[in-house]
Amino acid sequence: MTAVSKAACLLLGFAGSIFAQHLDFGFGVGVKGGVPFTDILELGDIIATPTTALNRSSDYLIGPVVELRVPFGFALEVDGIYRSAEYQATDSTGTTTTLDAHSWEIPYLAKFRFPIPLLKPFVSAGGAYRSFTDLPKDIVTPTHNAFVLGGGLELRISRLRLSGELRWLRWNSPPNTNVVRLDQNQGEVLFGLVF
């Protein structure tokens, strides 16, 4: 067998193994959690004075994830992410008000995993819906829909899939007539565990 024939056989074998790994089909259920690296609330233009402050006291993300994997690295994913966010708003007189901005975010994403063995990079895009549980509507006007982009790495160990990802969400523009308003851009780091 010549060197060209051996190289061709190795190339076909490698391509075949990648193709076989890329025929992954299944259904996954798990959990994702993480932290945002942007604030959910910001000061509106009405009272934006140097003596006015808005400080975040807690903020985390956690929730269930469901994924339908189809061949050739594609998947559909839906998450139910609970965000617990609490803020302290201090006005120019020194009065402090606590604002709870707890919400449920429902991202629905199309996902593509690159055909690399063991540690698979992926990209995702889609939309999201958000509903607040206790946001004071007289102070903040909620926005409900967003565009989502994401990317990360996934490690597969038997049936277990561990992932880490960065997501960027761009929410609809809220009116700027309130004391405090929702930030349009949201970035978050999420870690997942899916079976």
N, C-alpha and C. Protein backbone atom coordinates (compact mmCIF):
# COMPACT_ATOMS: atom_id res chain seq x y z
N MET A 1 0.85 -1.17 0.00
CA MET A 1 0.00 0.00 0.00
C MET A 1 0.89 1.24 0.00
N THR A 2 0.59 2.17 -0.84
CA THR A 2 1.42 3.37 -0.95
C THR A 2 1.11 4.35 0.17
N ALA A 3 1.98 5.32 0.31
CA ALA A 3 1.79 6.34 1.35
C ALA A 3 0.52 7.15 1.09
N VAL A 4 0.20 7.41 -0.16
CA VAL A 4 -1.02 8.16 -0.50
C VAL A 4 -2.25 7.36 -0.10
N SER A 5 -2.22 6.04 -0.35
CA SER A 5 -3.36 5.19 0.01
C SER A 5 -3.56 5.14 1.52
N LYS A 6 -2.43 5.04 2.25
CA LYS A 6 -2.53 5.03 3.72
C LYS A 6 -3.09 6.35 4.24
N ALA A 7 -2.63 7.46 3.69
CA ALA A 7 -3.14 8.77 4.11
C ALA A 7 -4.62 8.91 3.79
N ALA A 8 -5.04 8.42 2.63
CA ALA A 8 -6.46 8.48 2.24
C ALA A 8 -7.30 7.64 3.19
N CYS A 9 -6.81 6.45 3.55
CA CYS A 9 -7.56 5.59 4.49
C CYS A 9 -7.68 6.24 5.86
N LEU A 10 -6.58 6.84 6.35
CA LEU A 10 -6.63 7.52 7.63
C LEU A 10 -7.59 8.70 7.60
N LEU A 11 -7.55 9.47 6.52
CA LEU A 11 -8.44 10.61 6.38
C LEU A 11 -9.90 10.18 6.35
N LEU A 12 -10.22 9.13 5.60
CA LEU A 12 -11.59 8.62 5.54
C LEU A 12 -12.04 8.08 6.90
N GLY A 13 -11.12 7.37 7.60
CA GLY A 13 -11.46 6.86 8.93
C GLY A 13 -11.74 7.98 9.91
N PHE A 14 -10.90 9.02 9.89
CA PHE A 14 -11.10 10.17 10.78
C PHE A 14 -12.40 10.89 10.45
N ALA A 15 -12.66 11.12 9.16
CA ALA A 15 -13.91 11.79 8.74
C ALA A 15 -15.12 10.96 9.12
N GLY A 16 -15.01 9.63 8.99
CA GLY A 16 -16.12 8.75 9.36
C GLY A 16 -16.41 8.79 10.85
N SER A 17 -15.34 8.85 11.67
CA SER A 17 -15.56 8.90 13.13
C SER A 17 -16.18 10.22 13.54
N ILE A 18 -15.74 11.31 12.93
CA ILE A 18 -16.36 12.62 13.23
C ILE A 18 -17.82 12.61 12.79
N PHE A 19 -18.11 12.05 11.62
CA PHE A 19 -19.49 11.99 11.12
C PHE A 19 -20.36 11.17 12.06
N ALA A 20 -19.82 10.04 12.55
CA ALA A 20 -20.59 9.19 13.46
C ALA A 20 -20.86 9.92 14.78
N GLN A 21 -19.88 10.67 15.28
CA GLN A 21 -20.10 11.43 16.50
C GLN A 21 -21.11 12.54 16.29
N HIS A 22 -21.22 13.02 15.07
CA HIS A 22 -22.11 14.14 14.76
C HIS A 22 -23.55 13.69 14.50
N LEU A 23 -23.80 12.38 14.57
CA LEU A 23 -25.16 11.87 14.40
C LEU A 23 -25.87 11.75 15.74
N ASP A 24 -25.43 12.50 16.71
CA ASP A 24 -26.00 12.50 18.06
C ASP A 24 -27.46 12.91 18.00
N PHE A 25 -28.33 12.06 18.52
CA PHE A 25 -29.76 12.37 18.55
C PHE A 25 -30.26 12.01 19.93
N GLY A 26 -31.08 12.88 20.51
CA GLY A 26 -31.59 12.55 21.83
C GLY A 26 -32.29 13.72 22.49
N PHE A 27 -32.66 13.47 23.73
CA PHE A 27 -33.41 14.42 24.54
C PHE A 27 -32.66 14.58 25.85
N GLY A 28 -32.44 15.80 26.28
CA GLY A 28 -31.72 16.04 27.51
C GLY A 28 -32.49 16.93 28.46
N VAL A 29 -32.33 16.68 29.75
CA VAL A 29 -32.95 17.47 30.81
C VAL A 29 -31.88 17.74 31.85
N GLY A 30 -31.87 18.97 32.36
CA GLY A 30 -30.86 19.29 33.36
C GLY A 30 -31.12 20.61 34.03
N VAL A 31 -30.04 21.25 34.47
CA VAL A 31 -30.13 22.51 35.19
C VAL A 31 -28.98 23.41 34.75
N LYS A 32 -29.25 24.71 34.73
CA LYS A 32 -28.23 25.72 34.45
C LYS A 32 -28.27 26.76 35.56
N GLY A 33 -27.11 27.28 35.86
CA GLY A 33 -27.02 28.33 36.86
C GLY A 33 -25.82 29.20 36.57
N GLY A 34 -25.83 30.39 37.13
CA GLY A 34 -24.70 31.28 36.90
C GLY A 34 -24.93 32.66 37.49
N VAL A 35 -24.17 33.59 36.94
CA VAL A 35 -24.25 34.97 37.41
C VAL A 35 -24.26 35.92 36.22
N PRO A 36 -25.01 37.01 36.32
CA PRO A 36 -24.94 38.03 35.28
C PRO A 36 -23.73 38.91 35.51
N PHE A 37 -23.17 39.45 34.43
CA PHE A 37 -22.08 40.41 34.61
C PHE A 37 -22.51 41.81 34.20
N THR A 38 -23.83 42.01 34.07
CA THR A 38 -24.40 43.34 33.87
C THR A 38 -25.56 43.51 34.85
N ASP A 39 -25.91 44.75 35.13
CA ASP A 39 -27.05 45.04 36.01
C ASP A 39 -28.35 44.93 35.23
N ILE A 40 -29.41 44.55 35.93
CA ILE A 40 -30.72 44.49 35.29
C ILE A 40 -31.40 45.86 35.34
N LEU A 41 -31.07 46.66 36.36
CA LEU A 41 -31.66 47.99 36.52
C LEU A 41 -30.59 49.07 36.37
N GLU A 42 -31.00 50.23 35.86
CA GLU A 42 -30.13 51.40 35.79
C GLU A 42 -30.98 52.63 36.08
N LEU A 43 -30.32 53.73 36.40
CA LEU A 43 -31.04 54.97 36.68
C LEU A 43 -31.61 55.54 35.39
N GLY A 44 -32.85 56.03 35.50
CA GLY A 44 -33.45 56.73 34.37
C GLY A 44 -32.90 58.15 34.27
N ASP A 45 -33.20 58.83 33.18
CA ASP A 45 -32.69 60.18 32.97
C ASP A 45 -33.38 61.23 33.83
N ILE A 46 -34.51 60.89 34.43
CA ILE A 46 -35.28 61.87 35.20
C ILE A 46 -34.51 62.36 36.42
N ILE A 47 -33.92 61.44 37.17
CA ILE A 47 -33.27 61.85 38.42
C ILE A 47 -31.78 61.54 38.41
N ALA A 48 -31.19 61.41 37.26
CA ALA A 48 -29.77 61.04 37.19
C ALA A 48 -28.91 62.20 37.67
N THR A 49 -28.78 62.31 38.97
CA THR A 49 -27.94 63.35 39.58
C THR A 49 -26.77 62.67 40.28
N PRO A 50 -25.69 63.39 40.57
CA PRO A 50 -24.53 62.78 41.21
C PRO A 50 -24.83 62.19 42.59
N THR A 51 -25.87 62.67 43.26
CA THR A 51 -26.14 62.17 44.61
C THR A 51 -27.10 60.98 44.60
N THR A 52 -27.57 60.56 43.44
CA THR A 52 -28.48 59.43 43.36
C THR A 52 -27.68 58.17 43.07
N ALA A 53 -27.98 57.08 43.79
CA ALA A 53 -27.22 55.84 43.61
C ALA A 53 -28.17 54.66 43.51
N LEU A 54 -27.73 53.66 42.76
CA LEU A 54 -28.45 52.41 42.63
C LEU A 54 -27.43 51.29 42.80
N ASN A 55 -27.54 50.54 43.90
CA ASN A 55 -26.55 49.51 44.23
C ASN A 55 -27.21 48.14 44.26
N ARG A 56 -26.55 47.18 43.62
CA ARG A 56 -27.05 45.80 43.59
C ARG A 56 -26.56 45.08 44.84
N SER A 57 -27.49 44.41 45.54
CA SER A 57 -27.10 43.67 46.75
C SER A 57 -27.00 42.17 46.49
N SER A 58 -27.76 41.64 45.52
CA SER A 58 -27.64 40.22 45.17
C SER A 58 -28.16 40.01 43.76
N ASP A 59 -27.62 39.00 43.09
CA ASP A 59 -28.02 38.70 41.71
C ASP A 59 -27.48 37.33 41.33
N TYR A 60 -28.36 36.39 41.00
CA TYR A 60 -27.92 35.08 40.53
C TYR A 60 -28.97 34.51 39.59
N LEU A 61 -28.59 33.48 38.83
CA LEU A 61 -29.45 32.83 37.84
C LEU A 61 -29.45 31.32 38.10
N ILE A 62 -30.63 30.69 38.01
CA ILE A 62 -30.72 29.24 38.13
C ILE A 62 -32.05 28.77 37.54
N GLY A 63 -32.03 27.57 36.94
CA GLY A 63 -33.27 27.03 36.42
C GLY A 63 -33.09 25.79 35.58
N PRO A 64 -34.22 25.17 35.21
CA PRO A 64 -34.18 23.94 34.41
C PRO A 64 -33.90 24.22 32.94
N VAL A 65 -33.39 23.20 32.26
CA VAL A 65 -33.12 23.27 30.83
C VAL A 65 -33.60 21.98 30.17
N VAL A 66 -34.18 22.12 28.98
CA VAL A 66 -34.62 20.98 28.17
C VAL A 66 -34.00 21.15 26.79
N GLU A 67 -33.47 20.04 26.25
CA GLU A 67 -32.78 20.13 24.97
C GLU A 67 -33.17 18.95 24.09
N LEU A 68 -33.46 19.22 22.82
CA LEU A 68 -33.72 18.20 21.82
C LEU A 68 -32.57 18.24 20.83
N ARG A 69 -31.76 17.18 20.82
CA ARG A 69 -30.61 17.09 19.92
C ARG A 69 -31.02 16.38 18.65
N VAL A 70 -30.67 16.95 17.53
CA VAL A 70 -30.93 16.34 16.22
C VAL A 70 -29.58 16.13 15.54
N PRO A 71 -29.51 15.31 14.50
CA PRO A 71 -28.22 15.00 13.87
C PRO A 71 -27.48 16.23 13.33
N PHE A 72 -26.21 16.00 13.08
CA PHE A 72 -25.28 16.97 12.50
C PHE A 72 -24.99 18.16 13.41
N GLY A 73 -25.07 17.95 14.73
CA GLY A 73 -24.67 18.96 15.69
C GLY A 73 -25.71 19.99 16.06
N PHE A 74 -26.91 19.89 15.54
CA PHE A 74 -27.94 20.89 15.83
C PHE A 74 -28.78 20.45 17.04
N ALA A 75 -29.33 21.44 17.73
CA ALA A 75 -30.20 21.17 18.88
C ALA A 75 -31.14 22.35 19.08
N LEU A 76 -32.25 22.07 19.73
CA LEU A 76 -33.20 23.11 20.18
C LEU A 76 -33.19 23.07 21.70
N GLU A 77 -33.10 24.26 22.31
CA GLU A 77 -33.00 24.34 23.77
C GLU A 77 -34.00 25.36 24.30
N VAL A 78 -34.64 25.00 25.40
CA VAL A 78 -35.54 25.92 26.12
C VAL A 78 -35.13 25.88 27.59
N ASP A 79 -34.95 27.07 28.17
CA ASP A 79 -34.56 27.18 29.57
C ASP A 79 -35.65 27.91 30.35
N GLY A 80 -35.69 27.69 31.62
CA GLY A 80 -36.53 28.45 32.54
C GLY A 80 -35.62 29.03 33.61
N ILE A 81 -35.05 30.20 33.37
CA ILE A 81 -34.03 30.78 34.24
C ILE A 81 -34.67 31.77 35.22
N TYR A 82 -34.54 31.46 36.50
CA TYR A 82 -35.01 32.38 37.54
C TYR A 82 -33.86 33.32 37.90
N ARG A 83 -34.13 34.63 37.87
CA ARG A 83 -33.11 35.61 38.23
C ARG A 83 -33.56 36.33 39.50
N SER A 84 -32.75 36.22 40.53
CA SER A 84 -33.03 36.91 41.78
C SER A 84 -32.13 38.13 41.84
N ALA A 85 -32.72 39.31 41.77
CA ALA A 85 -31.94 40.55 41.81
C ALA A 85 -32.58 41.51 42.80
N GLU A 86 -31.77 42.06 43.69
CA GLU A 86 -32.23 43.04 44.67
C GLU A 86 -31.33 44.26 44.60
N TYR A 87 -31.94 45.44 44.65
CA TYR A 87 -31.20 46.70 44.55
C TYR A 87 -31.60 47.63 45.68
N GLN A 88 -30.68 48.52 46.02
CA GLN A 88 -30.93 49.60 46.97
C GLN A 88 -30.82 50.91 46.20
N ALA A 89 -31.92 51.66 46.12
CA ALA A 89 -31.92 52.96 45.45
C ALA A 89 -31.89 54.06 46.51
N THR A 90 -30.91 54.95 46.39
CA THR A 90 -30.75 56.05 47.35
C THR A 90 -30.90 57.36 46.60
N ASP A 91 -31.83 58.20 47.05
CA ASP A 91 -32.04 59.49 46.37
C ASP A 91 -31.19 60.58 47.00
N SER A 92 -31.34 61.81 46.50
CA SER A 92 -30.49 62.92 46.94
C SER A 92 -30.74 63.31 48.39
N THR A 93 -31.89 62.92 48.97
CA THR A 93 -32.17 63.24 50.37
C THR A 93 -31.61 62.17 51.32
N GLY A 94 -31.09 61.06 50.75
CA GLY A 94 -30.55 59.99 51.58
C GLY A 94 -31.54 58.89 51.86
N THR A 95 -32.74 58.98 51.32
CA THR A 95 -33.75 57.94 51.51
C THR A 95 -33.40 56.73 50.66
N THR A 96 -33.41 55.56 51.30
CA THR A 96 -33.07 54.32 50.59
C THR A 96 -34.32 53.47 50.41
N THR A 97 -34.50 52.98 49.20
CA THR A 97 -35.63 52.11 48.86
C THR A 97 -35.08 50.80 48.32
N THR A 98 -35.65 49.68 48.78
CA THR A 98 -35.24 48.37 48.26
C THR A 98 -36.13 48.02 47.08
N LEU A 99 -35.52 47.64 45.97
CA LEU A 99 -36.24 47.22 44.77
C LEU A 99 -35.93 45.76 44.49
N ASP A 100 -36.96 44.92 44.50
CA ASP A 100 -36.80 43.52 44.13
C ASP A 100 -37.13 43.38 42.66
N ALA A 101 -36.19 42.84 41.89
CA ALA A 101 -36.38 42.66 40.45
C ALA A 101 -36.26 41.18 40.09
N HIS A 102 -36.99 40.34 40.83
CA HIS A 102 -36.97 38.90 40.57
C HIS A 102 -37.75 38.62 39.30
N SER A 103 -37.19 37.75 38.44
CA SER A 103 -37.85 37.48 37.17
C SER A 103 -37.62 36.05 36.72
N TRP A 104 -38.46 35.62 35.78
CA TRP A 104 -38.28 34.36 35.06
C TRP A 104 -37.97 34.72 33.61
N GLU A 105 -36.86 34.19 33.11
CA GLU A 105 -36.49 34.36 31.71
C GLU A 105 -36.66 33.01 31.02
N ILE A 106 -37.32 33.02 29.86
CA ILE A 106 -37.53 31.79 29.10
C ILE A 106 -36.81 31.93 27.76
N PRO A 107 -35.51 31.59 27.69
CA PRO A 107 -34.81 31.62 26.41
C PRO A 107 -35.18 30.39 25.57
N TYR A 108 -35.39 30.57 24.28
CA TYR A 108 -35.64 29.48 23.32
C TYR A 108 -34.60 29.65 22.22
N LEU A 109 -33.74 28.63 22.07
CA LEU A 109 -32.53 28.77 21.28
C LEU A 109 -32.34 27.64 20.27
N ALA A 110 -31.76 27.98 19.13
CA ALA A 110 -31.21 27.00 18.20
C ALA A 110 -29.72 26.94 18.49
N LYS A 111 -29.18 25.72 18.51
CA LYS A 111 -27.81 25.52 18.95
C LYS A 111 -27.06 24.67 17.92
N PHE A 112 -25.77 24.95 17.74
CA PHE A 112 -24.94 24.13 16.86
C PHE A 112 -23.65 23.80 17.58
N ARG A 113 -23.35 22.49 17.66
CA ARG A 113 -22.09 22.01 18.25
C ARG A 113 -21.13 21.67 17.12
N PHE A 114 -19.90 22.15 17.23
CA PHE A 114 -18.90 21.85 16.21
C PHE A 114 -18.39 20.42 16.39
N PRO A 115 -18.10 19.71 15.29
CA PRO A 115 -17.73 18.29 15.36
C PRO A 115 -16.29 18.07 15.82
N ILE A 116 -16.02 18.42 17.07
CA ILE A 116 -14.69 18.22 17.65
C ILE A 116 -14.85 17.22 18.79
N PRO A 117 -14.02 16.17 18.83
CA PRO A 117 -14.16 15.17 19.89
C PRO A 117 -13.91 15.75 21.28
N LEU A 118 -14.54 15.16 22.25
CA LEU A 118 -14.41 15.45 23.68
C LEU A 118 -14.95 16.81 24.09
N LEU A 119 -14.22 17.90 23.84
CA LEU A 119 -14.63 19.24 24.25
C LEU A 119 -15.20 19.96 23.04
N LYS A 120 -16.53 20.09 22.99
CA LYS A 120 -17.20 20.64 21.81
C LYS A 120 -17.57 22.11 22.00
N PRO A 121 -17.03 22.99 21.16
CA PRO A 121 -17.50 24.38 21.17
C PRO A 121 -18.89 24.44 20.55
N PHE A 122 -19.71 25.38 21.01
CA PHE A 122 -21.05 25.54 20.42
C PHE A 122 -21.41 27.02 20.36
N VAL A 123 -22.35 27.31 19.47
CA VAL A 123 -22.93 28.64 19.36
C VAL A 123 -24.44 28.49 19.44
N SER A 124 -25.12 29.52 19.91
CA SER A 124 -26.58 29.48 20.01
C SER A 124 -27.15 30.86 19.72
N ALA A 125 -28.39 30.87 19.23
CA ALA A 125 -29.09 32.12 18.95
C ALA A 125 -30.58 31.86 19.05
N GLY A 126 -31.33 32.90 19.38
CA GLY A 126 -32.77 32.76 19.49
C GLY A 126 -33.39 33.96 20.15
N GLY A 127 -34.43 33.71 20.92
CA GLY A 127 -35.13 34.78 21.61
C GLY A 127 -35.35 34.42 23.07
N ALA A 128 -35.96 35.34 23.79
CA ALA A 128 -36.26 35.10 25.20
C ALA A 128 -37.49 35.92 25.59
N TYR A 129 -38.22 35.41 26.53
CA TYR A 129 -39.36 36.11 27.12
C TYR A 129 -39.07 36.25 28.62
N ARG A 130 -39.44 37.39 29.19
CA ARG A 130 -39.17 37.65 30.61
C ARG A 130 -40.44 38.11 31.30
N SER A 131 -40.65 37.61 32.51
CA SER A 131 -41.79 38.01 33.33
C SER A 131 -41.28 38.28 34.74
N PHE A 132 -41.62 39.46 35.28
CA PHE A 132 -41.19 39.83 36.62
C PHE A 132 -42.22 39.40 37.64
N THR A 133 -41.75 38.96 38.81
CA THR A 133 -42.66 38.51 39.85
C THR A 133 -43.04 39.61 40.82
N ASP A 134 -42.14 40.59 41.03
CA ASP A 134 -42.43 41.62 42.03
C ASP A 134 -41.83 42.98 41.70
N LEU A 135 -41.65 43.28 40.46
CA LEU A 135 -41.10 44.58 40.06
C LEU A 135 -42.18 45.64 40.24
N PRO A 136 -41.90 46.72 40.98
CA PRO A 136 -42.91 47.76 41.16
C PRO A 136 -43.16 48.52 39.85
N LYS A 137 -44.33 48.31 39.26
CA LYS A 137 -44.63 48.87 37.93
C LYS A 137 -44.74 50.40 37.94
N ASP A 138 -44.99 50.99 39.11
CA ASP A 138 -45.05 52.46 39.16
C ASP A 138 -43.65 53.08 39.13
N ILE A 139 -42.61 52.27 39.38
CA ILE A 139 -41.24 52.78 39.37
C ILE A 139 -40.50 52.33 38.11
N VAL A 140 -40.73 51.08 37.68
CA VAL A 140 -40.01 50.52 36.53
C VAL A 140 -41.02 49.94 35.54
N THR A 141 -40.87 50.28 34.26
CA THR A 141 -41.72 49.71 33.21
C THR A 141 -41.01 48.47 32.66
N PRO A 142 -41.63 47.28 32.74
CA PRO A 142 -40.95 46.06 32.30
C PRO A 142 -40.89 45.94 30.78
N THR A 143 -39.88 45.23 30.30
CA THR A 143 -39.80 44.82 28.90
C THR A 143 -39.79 43.30 28.89
N HIS A 144 -40.36 42.71 27.87
CA HIS A 144 -40.60 41.27 27.91
C HIS A 144 -39.88 40.43 26.87
N ASN A 145 -39.40 40.99 25.76
CA ASN A 145 -38.82 40.18 24.70
C ASN A 145 -37.38 40.58 24.41
N ALA A 146 -36.56 39.58 24.06
CA ALA A 146 -35.14 39.83 23.80
C ALA A 146 -34.63 38.95 22.67
N PHE A 147 -33.55 39.40 22.08
CA PHE A 147 -32.76 38.60 21.14
C PHE A 147 -31.58 38.04 21.92
N VAL A 148 -31.23 36.77 21.68
CA VAL A 148 -30.19 36.10 22.45
C VAL A 148 -29.10 35.55 21.53
N LEU A 149 -27.84 35.79 21.91
CA LEU A 149 -26.68 35.17 21.26
C LEU A 149 -25.83 34.53 22.35
N GLY A 150 -25.25 33.37 22.05
CA GLY A 150 -24.42 32.71 23.04
C GLY A 150 -23.36 31.83 22.42
N GLY A 151 -22.45 31.41 23.24
CA GLY A 151 -21.40 30.50 22.81
C GLY A 151 -20.70 29.92 24.03
N GLY A 152 -20.12 28.73 23.84
CA GLY A 152 -19.44 28.11 24.96
C GLY A 152 -18.79 26.80 24.60
N LEU A 153 -18.51 26.02 25.62
CA LEU A 153 -17.87 24.71 25.47
C LEU A 153 -18.69 23.67 26.22
N GLU A 154 -18.73 22.46 25.66
CA GLU A 154 -19.46 21.35 26.29
C GLU A 154 -18.54 20.14 26.38
N LEU A 155 -18.52 19.52 27.53
CA LEU A 155 -17.76 18.30 27.77
C LEU A 155 -18.74 17.17 27.98
N ARG A 156 -18.60 16.11 27.18
CA ARG A 156 -19.51 14.98 27.29
C ARG A 156 -18.78 13.82 27.96
N ILE A 157 -19.36 13.33 29.08
CA ILE A 157 -18.83 12.18 29.80
C ILE A 157 -19.96 11.17 29.89
N SER A 158 -19.92 10.15 29.03
CA SER A 158 -21.00 9.17 28.90
C SER A 158 -22.31 9.91 28.57
N ARG A 159 -23.32 9.83 29.43
CA ARG A 159 -24.59 10.53 29.16
C ARG A 159 -24.62 11.94 29.76
N LEU A 160 -23.64 12.25 30.59
CA LEU A 160 -23.57 13.55 31.26
C LEU A 160 -22.92 14.58 30.35
N ARG A 161 -23.51 15.78 30.28
CA ARG A 161 -22.95 16.88 29.49
C ARG A 161 -22.76 18.08 30.42
N LEU A 162 -21.52 18.50 30.56
CA LEU A 162 -21.18 19.68 31.36
C LEU A 162 -20.87 20.82 30.40
N SER A 163 -21.40 22.00 30.67
CA SER A 163 -21.17 23.12 29.75
C SER A 163 -20.91 24.41 30.52
N GLY A 164 -20.22 25.29 29.85
CA GLY A 164 -20.01 26.65 30.31
C GLY A 164 -20.25 27.57 29.13
N GLU A 165 -20.99 28.64 29.33
CA GLU A 165 -21.31 29.51 28.20
C GLU A 165 -21.45 30.97 28.61
N LEU A 166 -21.26 31.82 27.64
CA LEU A 166 -21.53 33.25 27.76
C LEU A 166 -22.75 33.56 26.93
N ARG A 167 -23.66 34.35 27.48
CA ARG A 167 -24.85 34.77 26.73
C ARG A 167 -24.99 36.28 26.77
N TRP A 168 -25.47 36.81 25.67
CA TRP A 168 -25.80 38.23 25.57
C TRP A 168 -27.26 38.32 25.15
N LEU A 169 -28.04 39.11 25.90
CA LEU A 169 -29.45 39.33 25.60
C LEU A 169 -29.68 40.80 25.35
N ARG A 170 -30.42 41.12 24.31
CA ARG A 170 -30.77 42.51 23.98
C ARG A 170 -32.28 42.63 24.10
N TRP A 171 -32.72 43.31 25.17
CA TRP A 171 -34.15 43.45 25.45
C TRP A 171 -34.73 44.63 24.67
N ASN A 172 -36.06 44.59 24.47
CA ASN A 172 -36.75 45.72 23.85
C ASN A 172 -36.46 46.99 24.63
N SER A 173 -36.53 48.10 23.95
CA SER A 173 -36.22 49.39 24.57
C SER A 173 -37.31 49.80 25.55
N PRO A 174 -36.97 49.98 26.84
CA PRO A 174 -37.97 50.45 27.80
C PRO A 174 -38.10 51.97 27.70
N PRO A 175 -39.25 52.51 28.06
CA PRO A 175 -39.37 53.96 28.06
C PRO A 175 -38.44 54.58 29.10
N ASN A 176 -37.97 55.76 28.83
CA ASN A 176 -37.02 56.42 29.72
C ASN A 176 -37.70 57.49 30.57
N THR A 177 -38.91 57.20 31.01
CA THR A 177 -39.66 58.18 31.78
C THR A 177 -39.73 57.81 33.26
N ASN A 178 -39.07 56.73 33.64
CA ASN A 178 -39.14 56.27 35.03
C ASN A 178 -37.89 56.65 35.81
N VAL A 179 -38.02 56.60 37.12
CA VAL A 179 -36.90 56.87 38.01
C VAL A 179 -35.79 55.85 37.77
N VAL A 180 -36.18 54.59 37.69
CA VAL A 180 -35.26 53.49 37.43
C VAL A 180 -35.80 52.75 36.22
N ARG A 181 -34.91 52.32 35.35
CA ARG A 181 -35.37 51.58 34.17
C ARG A 181 -34.54 50.31 34.00
N LEU A 182 -35.04 49.41 33.16
CA LEU A 182 -34.33 48.17 32.87
C LEU A 182 -33.23 48.43 31.85
N ASP A 183 -32.09 47.82 32.06
CA ASP A 183 -30.99 47.91 31.11
C ASP A 183 -31.34 47.05 29.89
N GLN A 184 -31.09 47.58 28.69
CA GLN A 184 -31.39 46.83 27.47
C GLN A 184 -30.43 45.68 27.24
N ASN A 185 -29.18 45.82 27.62
CA ASN A 185 -28.17 44.79 27.39
C ASN A 185 -27.96 43.98 28.65
N GLN A 186 -27.92 42.67 28.47
CA GLN A 186 -27.72 41.79 29.61
C GLN A 186 -26.70 40.73 29.21
N GLY A 187 -25.66 40.60 30.00
CA GLY A 187 -24.66 39.56 29.79
C GLY A 187 -24.64 38.62 30.98
N GLU A 188 -24.42 37.33 30.71
CA GLU A 188 -24.42 36.37 31.80
C GLU A 188 -23.48 35.20 31.50
N VAL A 189 -22.98 34.61 32.56
CA VAL A 189 -22.17 33.40 32.49
C VAL A 189 -23.00 32.28 33.09
N LEU A 190 -23.17 31.19 32.33
CA LEU A 190 -23.99 30.07 32.79
C LEU A 190 -23.19 28.77 32.75
N PHE A 191 -23.45 27.91 33.72
CA PHE A 191 -22.85 26.58 33.75
C PHE A 191 -24.00 25.58 33.77
N GLY A 192 -23.88 24.53 32.94
CA GLY A 192 -24.97 23.58 32.81
C GLY A 192 -24.57 22.16 33.12
N LEU A 193 -25.57 21.39 33.54
CA LEU A 193 -25.44 19.97 33.81
C LEU A 193 -26.66 19.31 33.20
N VAL A 194 -26.47 18.56 32.11
CA VAL A 194 -27.59 17.98 31.37
C VAL A 194 -27.37 16.49 31.22
N PHE A 195 -28.44 15.69 31.42
CA PHE A 195 -28.39 14.24 31.23
C PHE A 195 -29.16 13.86 29.98
